[in-house]
């Protein structure tokens, strides 16, 4: 059990370096997980442009919620 305690990292310990997901260069702490502002901006542009999406499945409740069920504003 001593070995397991010795392997625990103290809070705030440095994370192991990982490559930038855009260009593969080593990441920089200021732009983590990216290596630069340029790569961070490229990633943001991909999200905003729709190249990255989070898959979702439509449930039965979601499919019928666009009807006139009184969810709009009242006059």
N, C-alpha and C. Protein backbone atom coordinates (compact mmCIF):
# COMPACT_ATOMS: atom_id res chain seq x y z
N UNK A 1 0.81 -1.19 0.00
CA UNK A 1 0.00 0.00 0.00
C UNK A 1 0.85 1.26 0.00
N UNK A 2 2.06 1.16 0.47
CA UNK A 2 2.94 2.33 0.46
C UNK A 2 3.24 2.77 -0.96
N UNK A 3 3.35 1.83 -1.87
CA UNK A 3 3.66 2.16 -3.26
C UNK A 3 2.54 3.00 -3.87
N UNK A 4 1.29 2.69 -3.54
CA UNK A 4 0.17 3.46 -4.08
C UNK A 4 0.19 4.88 -3.55
N UNK A 5 0.53 5.05 -2.28
CA UNK A 5 0.59 6.38 -1.69
C UNK A 5 1.74 7.18 -2.29
N UNK A 6 2.82 6.52 -2.63
CA UNK A 6 3.97 7.22 -3.20
C UNK A 6 3.68 7.69 -4.62
N UNK A 7 2.77 7.02 -5.33
CA UNK A 7 2.45 7.39 -6.71
C UNK A 7 1.47 8.56 -6.79
N UNK A 8 0.77 8.88 -5.73
CA UNK A 8 -0.19 9.98 -5.77
C UNK A 8 0.54 11.30 -5.94
N UNK A 9 0.00 12.15 -6.80
CA UNK A 9 0.60 13.46 -7.03
C UNK A 9 -0.05 14.47 -6.09
N UNK A 10 0.72 15.40 -5.57
CA UNK A 10 0.12 16.43 -4.73
C UNK A 10 -0.75 17.35 -5.57
N UNK A 11 -1.76 17.98 -4.94
CA UNK A 11 -2.61 18.91 -5.70
C UNK A 11 -1.77 20.02 -6.31
N UNK A 12 -2.07 20.38 -7.53
CA UNK A 12 -1.35 21.44 -8.22
C UNK A 12 -0.08 20.97 -8.91
N UNK A 13 0.17 19.65 -8.91
CA UNK A 13 1.35 19.13 -9.58
C UNK A 13 1.21 19.34 -11.09
N UNK A 14 2.32 19.54 -11.75
CA UNK A 14 2.31 19.79 -13.20
C UNK A 14 1.80 18.56 -13.94
N UNK A 15 0.97 18.80 -14.94
CA UNK A 15 0.47 17.73 -15.77
C UNK A 15 1.56 17.33 -16.76
N UNK A 16 1.57 16.07 -17.17
CA UNK A 16 2.57 15.67 -18.16
C UNK A 16 2.33 16.41 -19.46
N UNK A 17 3.38 16.78 -20.17
CA UNK A 17 3.19 17.52 -21.42
C UNK A 17 2.47 16.67 -22.45
N UNK A 18 1.53 17.28 -23.14
CA UNK A 18 0.79 16.61 -24.20
C UNK A 18 0.95 17.44 -25.46
N UNK A 19 0.93 16.81 -26.60
CA UNK A 19 1.07 17.58 -27.84
C UNK A 19 -0.17 18.40 -28.14
N UNK A 20 0.04 19.48 -28.86
CA UNK A 20 -1.05 20.35 -29.30
C UNK A 20 -1.97 19.53 -30.22
N UNK A 21 -3.28 19.56 -30.00
CA UNK A 21 -4.18 18.78 -30.85
C UNK A 21 -4.28 19.29 -32.28
N UNK A 22 -3.81 20.49 -32.55
CA UNK A 22 -3.88 21.05 -33.90
C UNK A 22 -2.63 20.73 -34.70
N UNK A 23 -1.45 21.04 -34.13
CA UNK A 23 -0.22 20.89 -34.92
C UNK A 23 0.75 19.83 -34.39
N UNK A 24 0.54 19.36 -33.16
CA UNK A 24 1.40 18.31 -32.62
C UNK A 24 2.61 18.79 -31.86
N UNK A 25 2.85 20.11 -31.81
CA UNK A 25 3.98 20.64 -31.04
C UNK A 25 3.67 20.51 -29.56
N UNK A 26 4.69 20.59 -28.69
CA UNK A 26 4.43 20.54 -27.25
C UNK A 26 3.52 21.68 -26.81
N UNK A 27 2.58 21.39 -25.90
CA UNK A 27 1.66 22.43 -25.44
C UNK A 27 2.36 23.38 -24.48
N UNK A 28 1.81 24.58 -24.36
CA UNK A 28 2.34 25.62 -23.49
C UNK A 28 1.29 25.89 -22.42
N UNK A 29 1.71 26.03 -21.17
CA UNK A 29 0.78 26.19 -20.05
C UNK A 29 -0.19 27.36 -20.27
N UNK A 30 0.26 28.43 -20.85
CA UNK A 30 -0.60 29.61 -21.05
C UNK A 30 -1.73 29.34 -22.04
N UNK A 31 -1.56 28.39 -22.95
CA UNK A 31 -2.56 28.12 -23.98
C UNK A 31 -3.06 26.67 -23.92
N UNK A 32 -2.80 25.96 -22.83
CA UNK A 32 -3.12 24.55 -22.71
C UNK A 32 -4.54 24.28 -23.15
N UNK A 33 -4.82 23.31 -23.96
CA UNK A 33 -3.94 22.24 -24.42
C UNK A 33 -3.19 22.57 -25.71
N UNK A 34 -3.23 23.82 -26.12
CA UNK A 34 -2.61 24.21 -27.39
C UNK A 34 -1.19 24.72 -27.17
N UNK A 35 -0.47 24.93 -28.27
CA UNK A 35 0.90 25.43 -28.18
C UNK A 35 0.97 26.94 -28.35
N UNK A 36 -0.09 27.54 -28.90
CA UNK A 36 -0.08 28.98 -29.16
C UNK A 36 -1.50 29.50 -29.29
N UNK A 37 -1.62 30.81 -29.31
CA UNK A 37 -2.93 31.44 -29.52
C UNK A 37 -3.44 31.11 -30.92
N UNK A 38 -2.55 31.01 -31.86
CA UNK A 38 -2.95 30.69 -33.23
C UNK A 38 -3.67 29.34 -33.28
N UNK A 39 -3.11 28.31 -32.65
CA UNK A 39 -3.75 27.00 -32.67
C UNK A 39 -5.06 27.01 -31.88
N UNK A 40 -5.12 27.77 -30.79
CA UNK A 40 -6.36 27.91 -30.03
C UNK A 40 -7.44 28.56 -30.90
N UNK A 41 -7.06 29.57 -31.67
CA UNK A 41 -8.00 30.26 -32.56
C UNK A 41 -8.47 29.35 -33.70
N UNK A 42 -7.57 28.53 -34.22
CA UNK A 42 -7.95 27.57 -35.26
C UNK A 42 -9.00 26.62 -34.72
N UNK A 43 -8.79 26.12 -33.51
CA UNK A 43 -9.75 25.21 -32.89
C UNK A 43 -11.10 25.89 -32.67
N UNK A 44 -11.09 27.12 -32.18
CA UNK A 44 -12.33 27.87 -31.97
C UNK A 44 -13.07 28.07 -33.30
N UNK A 45 -12.34 28.39 -34.36
CA UNK A 45 -12.95 28.58 -35.67
C UNK A 45 -13.61 27.29 -36.15
N UNK A 46 -12.97 26.15 -35.87
CA UNK A 46 -13.55 24.87 -36.26
C UNK A 46 -14.86 24.60 -35.51
N UNK A 47 -14.89 24.93 -34.22
CA UNK A 47 -16.13 24.75 -33.45
C UNK A 47 -17.22 25.67 -33.98
N UNK A 48 -16.89 26.95 -34.18
CA UNK A 48 -17.89 27.91 -34.63
C UNK A 48 -18.35 27.65 -36.05
N UNK A 49 -17.49 27.07 -36.87
CA UNK A 49 -17.83 26.77 -38.25
C UNK A 49 -18.60 25.47 -38.41
N UNK A 50 -18.77 24.71 -37.34
CA UNK A 50 -19.54 23.49 -37.41
C UNK A 50 -18.76 22.25 -37.80
N UNK A 51 -17.42 22.35 -37.86
CA UNK A 51 -16.64 21.15 -38.18
C UNK A 51 -16.62 20.17 -37.02
N UNK A 52 -16.72 20.68 -35.81
CA UNK A 52 -16.81 19.83 -34.62
C UNK A 52 -18.26 19.86 -34.16
N UNK A 53 -18.81 18.73 -33.86
CA UNK A 53 -20.17 18.67 -33.33
C UNK A 53 -20.21 17.63 -32.21
N UNK A 54 -21.11 17.83 -31.30
CA UNK A 54 -21.34 16.87 -30.24
C UNK A 54 -22.59 16.10 -30.63
N UNK A 55 -22.46 14.80 -30.85
CA UNK A 55 -23.62 14.04 -31.29
C UNK A 55 -24.69 14.00 -30.20
N UNK A 56 -25.93 14.11 -30.64
CA UNK A 56 -27.06 14.03 -29.72
C UNK A 56 -28.18 13.26 -30.40
N UNK A 57 -28.93 12.55 -29.59
CA UNK A 57 -30.07 11.84 -30.14
C UNK A 57 -31.34 12.56 -29.72
N UNK A 58 -32.27 12.64 -30.64
CA UNK A 58 -33.52 13.33 -30.38
C UNK A 58 -34.48 12.35 -29.71
N UNK A 59 -35.04 12.75 -28.58
CA UNK A 59 -36.00 11.90 -27.88
C UNK A 59 -37.40 12.23 -28.36
N UNK A 60 -38.37 11.41 -27.97
CA UNK A 60 -39.76 11.65 -28.35
C UNK A 60 -40.25 12.99 -27.83
N UNK A 61 -39.83 13.37 -26.62
CA UNK A 61 -40.25 14.65 -26.04
C UNK A 61 -39.72 15.83 -26.86
N UNK A 62 -38.48 15.73 -27.34
CA UNK A 62 -37.89 16.81 -28.13
C UNK A 62 -38.58 16.96 -29.48
N UNK A 63 -39.01 15.86 -30.07
CA UNK A 63 -39.61 15.90 -31.40
C UNK A 63 -40.95 16.63 -31.39
N UNK A 64 -41.72 16.54 -30.32
CA UNK A 64 -43.02 17.15 -30.29
C UNK A 64 -43.06 18.49 -29.60
N UNK A 65 -41.95 19.01 -29.16
CA UNK A 65 -41.96 20.25 -28.39
C UNK A 65 -42.10 21.49 -29.25
N UNK A 66 -42.04 21.38 -30.57
CA UNK A 66 -42.14 22.57 -31.41
C UNK A 66 -43.58 22.94 -31.73
N UNK A 67 -44.52 22.15 -31.25
CA UNK A 67 -45.93 22.43 -31.52
C UNK A 67 -46.46 23.57 -30.69
N UNK A 68 -47.73 23.93 -30.89
CA UNK A 68 -48.33 25.04 -30.17
C UNK A 68 -48.87 24.61 -28.82
N UNK A 69 -48.00 24.30 -27.89
CA UNK A 69 -48.44 23.82 -26.58
C UNK A 69 -48.47 24.94 -25.53
N UNK A 70 -48.54 26.19 -25.97
CA UNK A 70 -48.62 27.29 -25.02
C UNK A 70 -47.28 27.73 -24.48
N UNK A 71 -46.21 27.34 -25.12
CA UNK A 71 -44.88 27.69 -24.64
C UNK A 71 -44.41 29.06 -25.08
N UNK A 72 -45.18 29.73 -25.91
CA UNK A 72 -44.77 31.04 -26.44
C UNK A 72 -45.18 32.17 -25.55
N UNK A 73 -45.04 33.38 -26.03
CA UNK A 73 -45.42 34.57 -25.25
C UNK A 73 -46.92 34.80 -25.38
N UNK A 74 -47.49 35.38 -24.34
CA UNK A 74 -48.92 35.68 -24.35
C UNK A 74 -49.14 37.14 -24.66
N UNK A 75 -50.21 37.42 -25.33
CA UNK A 75 -50.53 38.81 -25.66
C UNK A 75 -51.55 39.38 -24.71
